[in-house]
Protein backbone atom coordinates (compact mmCIF):
# COMPACT_ATOMS: atom_id res chain seq x y z
CA MET A 1 -12.15 1.33 23.43
CA ARG A 2 -10.41 -0.66 20.70
CA GLU A 3 -7.89 -3.24 21.92
CA ILE A 4 -4.96 -5.09 20.41
CA ASN A 5 -3.66 -8.51 21.33
CA VAL A 6 0.02 -8.49 22.31
CA LYS A 7 1.36 -11.93 23.18
CA ASN A 8 -2.09 -13.06 24.40
CA LYS A 9 -2.69 -9.92 26.47
CA LYS A 10 -5.41 -7.48 25.48
CA LEU A 11 -4.18 -3.91 25.61
CA PRO A 12 -5.90 -0.68 24.61
CA VAL A 13 -4.74 1.03 21.45
CA ILE A 14 -4.45 4.26 23.43
CA GLY A 15 -2.96 4.56 26.90
CA ILE A 16 -2.08 7.38 29.24
CA GLY A 17 1.44 8.76 28.94
CA THR A 18 2.76 10.66 31.93
CA TRP A 19 5.89 12.51 30.76
CA ARG A 20 6.00 15.79 32.76
CA THR A 21 3.08 14.69 34.94
CA GLY A 22 3.72 15.69 38.55
CA ASP A 23 6.10 18.51 37.62
CA ASN A 24 3.77 21.36 38.59
CA PRO A 25 2.32 21.15 42.15
CA LYS A 26 -0.29 23.80 41.27
CA ILE A 27 -2.11 21.38 38.94
CA LYS A 28 -1.58 18.17 40.92
CA ASP A 29 -5.29 17.68 41.68
CA GLN A 30 -6.26 18.20 38.03
CA GLU A 31 -3.62 15.71 36.89
CA ILE A 32 -4.84 13.10 39.37
CA GLU A 33 -8.41 13.66 38.23
CA ALA A 34 -7.42 13.43 34.55
CA ILE A 35 -5.63 10.12 35.14
CA ARG A 36 -8.59 8.71 37.07
CA TYR A 37 -10.98 9.88 34.38
CA GLY A 38 -8.94 8.20 31.65
CA LEU A 39 -8.58 4.97 33.60
CA THR A 40 -12.30 4.81 34.35
CA HIS A 41 -13.27 5.57 30.74
CA GLY A 42 -11.44 2.82 28.86
CA ALA A 43 -7.76 3.76 28.84
CA ASN A 44 -6.60 0.98 31.18
CA LEU A 45 -2.89 1.36 30.35
CA ILE A 46 -0.61 3.91 31.96
CA ASP A 47 3.02 4.55 31.00
CA THR A 48 5.58 6.17 33.27
CA ALA A 49 9.28 6.00 34.20
CA GLU A 50 11.52 6.57 37.18
CA MET A 51 13.05 9.54 35.34
CA TYR A 52 9.73 11.35 34.81
CA GLY A 53 10.01 14.18 37.29
CA SER A 54 12.60 12.18 39.26
CA GLY A 55 9.81 9.94 40.55
CA ARG A 56 7.15 12.64 40.91
CA SER A 57 5.11 11.15 38.07
CA GLU A 58 5.05 7.72 39.70
CA ARG A 59 4.03 9.26 43.06
CA LEU A 60 1.19 11.17 41.42
CA ILE A 61 0.04 8.03 39.59
CA GLY A 62 0.10 6.16 42.88
CA GLN A 63 -2.25 8.76 44.34
CA ALA A 64 -4.52 8.48 41.29
CA LEU A 65 -4.62 4.67 41.57
CA ASP A 66 -5.45 4.78 45.29
CA GLN A 67 -9.21 4.42 44.73
CA LEU A 68 -9.12 2.22 41.62
CA ASP A 69 -9.03 -1.54 41.04
CA ARG A 70 -5.34 -2.19 40.34
CA LYS A 71 -5.88 -5.55 38.65
CA ASN A 72 -7.75 -3.82 35.79
CA ILE A 73 -4.91 -1.39 35.04
CA PHE A 74 -1.82 -2.26 32.98
CA ILE A 75 1.10 -0.27 34.40
CA ILE A 76 4.35 0.23 32.50
CA SER A 77 7.40 1.85 34.04
CA LYS A 78 10.96 2.23 32.82
CA PHE A 79 14.38 2.26 34.49
CA TYR A 80 17.49 4.23 33.60
CA PRO A 81 20.23 2.45 31.61
CA GLN A 82 22.72 3.11 34.42
CA ASN A 83 20.41 1.05 36.67
CA ALA A 84 20.40 -1.95 34.30
CA THR A 85 22.52 -4.26 36.46
CA PRO A 86 20.48 -6.85 38.38
CA SER A 87 21.06 -5.22 41.79
CA LEU A 88 20.48 -1.62 40.69
CA MET A 89 17.45 -2.65 38.63
CA ARG A 90 15.93 -4.33 41.67
CA ARG A 91 16.45 -1.17 43.74
CA SER A 92 14.93 0.97 40.98
CA LEU A 93 11.95 -1.36 40.75
CA GLU A 94 11.40 -1.40 44.50
CA ASN A 95 11.44 2.41 44.52
CA SER A 96 9.00 2.59 41.60
CA LEU A 97 6.64 0.08 43.23
CA LYS A 98 6.68 2.09 46.46
CA ARG A 99 5.94 5.36 44.64
CA LEU A 100 3.18 3.73 42.58
CA GLY A 101 1.66 2.01 45.62
CA THR A 102 1.58 -1.43 44.01
CA ASP A 103 3.38 -4.72 44.52
CA TYR A 104 4.02 -5.50 40.84
CA LEU A 105 4.35 -3.93 37.40
CA ASP A 106 2.69 -5.34 34.32
CA LEU A 107 5.64 -4.31 32.14
CA TYR A 108 9.10 -3.08 33.12
CA LEU A 109 11.28 -1.54 30.41
CA LEU A 110 14.93 -0.65 29.98
CA HIS A 111 14.43 2.99 28.96
CA TRP A 112 17.25 3.03 26.38
CA ARG A 113 20.60 1.34 25.76
CA GLY A 114 23.48 2.09 28.04
CA ASN A 115 26.83 0.58 28.96
CA VAL A 116 25.58 -2.42 30.97
CA PRO A 117 25.85 -5.64 28.92
CA LEU A 118 22.41 -6.71 27.70
CA LYS A 119 22.93 -10.25 28.99
CA ASP A 120 23.17 -8.86 32.55
CA THR A 121 20.04 -6.77 32.08
CA VAL A 122 18.08 -9.69 30.63
CA SER A 123 19.21 -11.91 33.49
CA GLY A 124 18.02 -9.37 36.06
CA LEU A 125 14.68 -8.85 34.32
CA ARG A 126 14.06 -12.58 34.07
CA GLN A 127 14.76 -12.92 37.80
CA LEU A 128 12.33 -10.11 38.69
CA LYS A 129 9.69 -11.79 36.54
CA SER A 130 10.27 -15.18 38.17
CA GLU A 131 9.69 -13.53 41.56
CA GLY A 132 6.39 -12.00 40.39
CA LEU A 133 7.56 -8.41 40.84
CA ILE A 134 6.97 -7.82 37.13
CA LYS A 135 4.58 -9.67 34.84
CA GLU A 136 6.56 -8.92 31.67
CA TRP A 137 9.78 -7.15 30.70
CA GLY A 138 10.82 -5.21 27.66
CA VAL A 139 12.91 -2.47 26.17
CA SER A 140 12.33 1.05 24.97
CA ASN A 141 13.87 3.01 22.12
CA PHE A 142 15.78 0.00 20.73
CA ASP A 143 16.74 0.18 17.07
CA LEU A 144 17.21 -2.76 14.68
CA ASP A 145 20.79 -3.54 15.74
CA ASP A 146 19.79 -3.42 19.43
CA MET A 147 16.90 -5.83 18.82
CA LYS A 148 19.08 -8.25 16.87
CA GLU A 149 21.61 -8.23 19.71
CA LEU A 150 18.83 -8.77 22.26
CA PHE A 151 17.40 -11.75 20.36
CA ALA A 152 20.86 -13.33 20.22
CA ILE A 153 21.14 -13.39 24.05
CA GLU A 154 19.85 -16.33 26.07
CA GLY A 155 16.28 -15.42 27.05
CA GLY A 156 16.34 -12.27 24.91
CA ASN A 157 13.50 -13.55 22.76
CA GLU A 158 11.27 -13.51 25.87
CA VAL A 159 11.07 -9.72 25.54
CA PHE A 160 7.43 -8.63 25.65
CA ALA A 161 7.71 -5.25 23.96
CA ASN A 162 9.95 -2.63 22.42
CA GLU A 163 8.38 0.74 23.10
CA ASP A 164 9.55 2.26 19.83
CA TYR A 165 10.50 5.85 19.25
CA TYR A 166 7.83 6.83 16.73
CA ASN A 167 5.99 10.02 15.89
CA LEU A 168 4.98 12.09 12.88
CA GLY A 169 8.48 13.53 12.62
CA GLY A 170 10.35 10.31 13.41
CA ARG A 171 9.06 7.36 11.41
CA GLY A 172 12.36 5.65 10.60
CA ILE A 173 11.26 2.36 12.18
CA ASP A 174 8.79 1.89 9.29
CA PHE A 175 11.71 0.97 7.03
CA ASP A 176 13.77 -1.50 9.04
CA LEU A 177 12.73 -2.16 12.65
CA LEU A 178 9.00 -2.83 12.15
CA PRO A 179 9.52 -5.23 9.22
CA TRP A 180 12.16 -7.12 11.25
CA GLN A 181 9.85 -7.32 14.28
CA ARG A 182 7.02 -8.64 12.09
CA ASN A 183 9.32 -11.23 10.47
CA ASN A 184 10.40 -12.39 13.93
CA ARG A 185 6.79 -12.62 15.18
CA PHE A 186 7.50 -9.91 17.69
CA LEU A 187 4.50 -7.73 16.88
């Protein structure tokens, strides 16, 4: 599978997204098998979030990972904006780790902007990274103004990734966010 280099980490171009995974108990075994198949056939990145099925997706992924070599799988999870304070973020992370059956995440993302000051969120993420509970931290669904604000905060430029909102019907980032990220050596 083709890989890209992101801040000296090799990641596959295609990963496994798990939105709505774990929602239907009737197909649980097929979903576990599909995840295992993907992970054993080159898609070594899996993306999830605490909000996906209120944790059901992470639990199902944990079951799928049970028989696989964790160190070869890049796991991304996201936390709710209302959990973006250092203490709530830690609790969210601990719950996600328990559901996933792992002791660390490769990438932990703020799912979208909320009311918690970014400096508090960055401080909490940096602390979790220093403790080894997460390898990298990032954001999701940030627009240009959000990224500029993030980069202005102490430690904000340590962000590993912005999981952009992008699809065939929503390509607005092509015009402002992506050029800014390239100019700031973020991509």
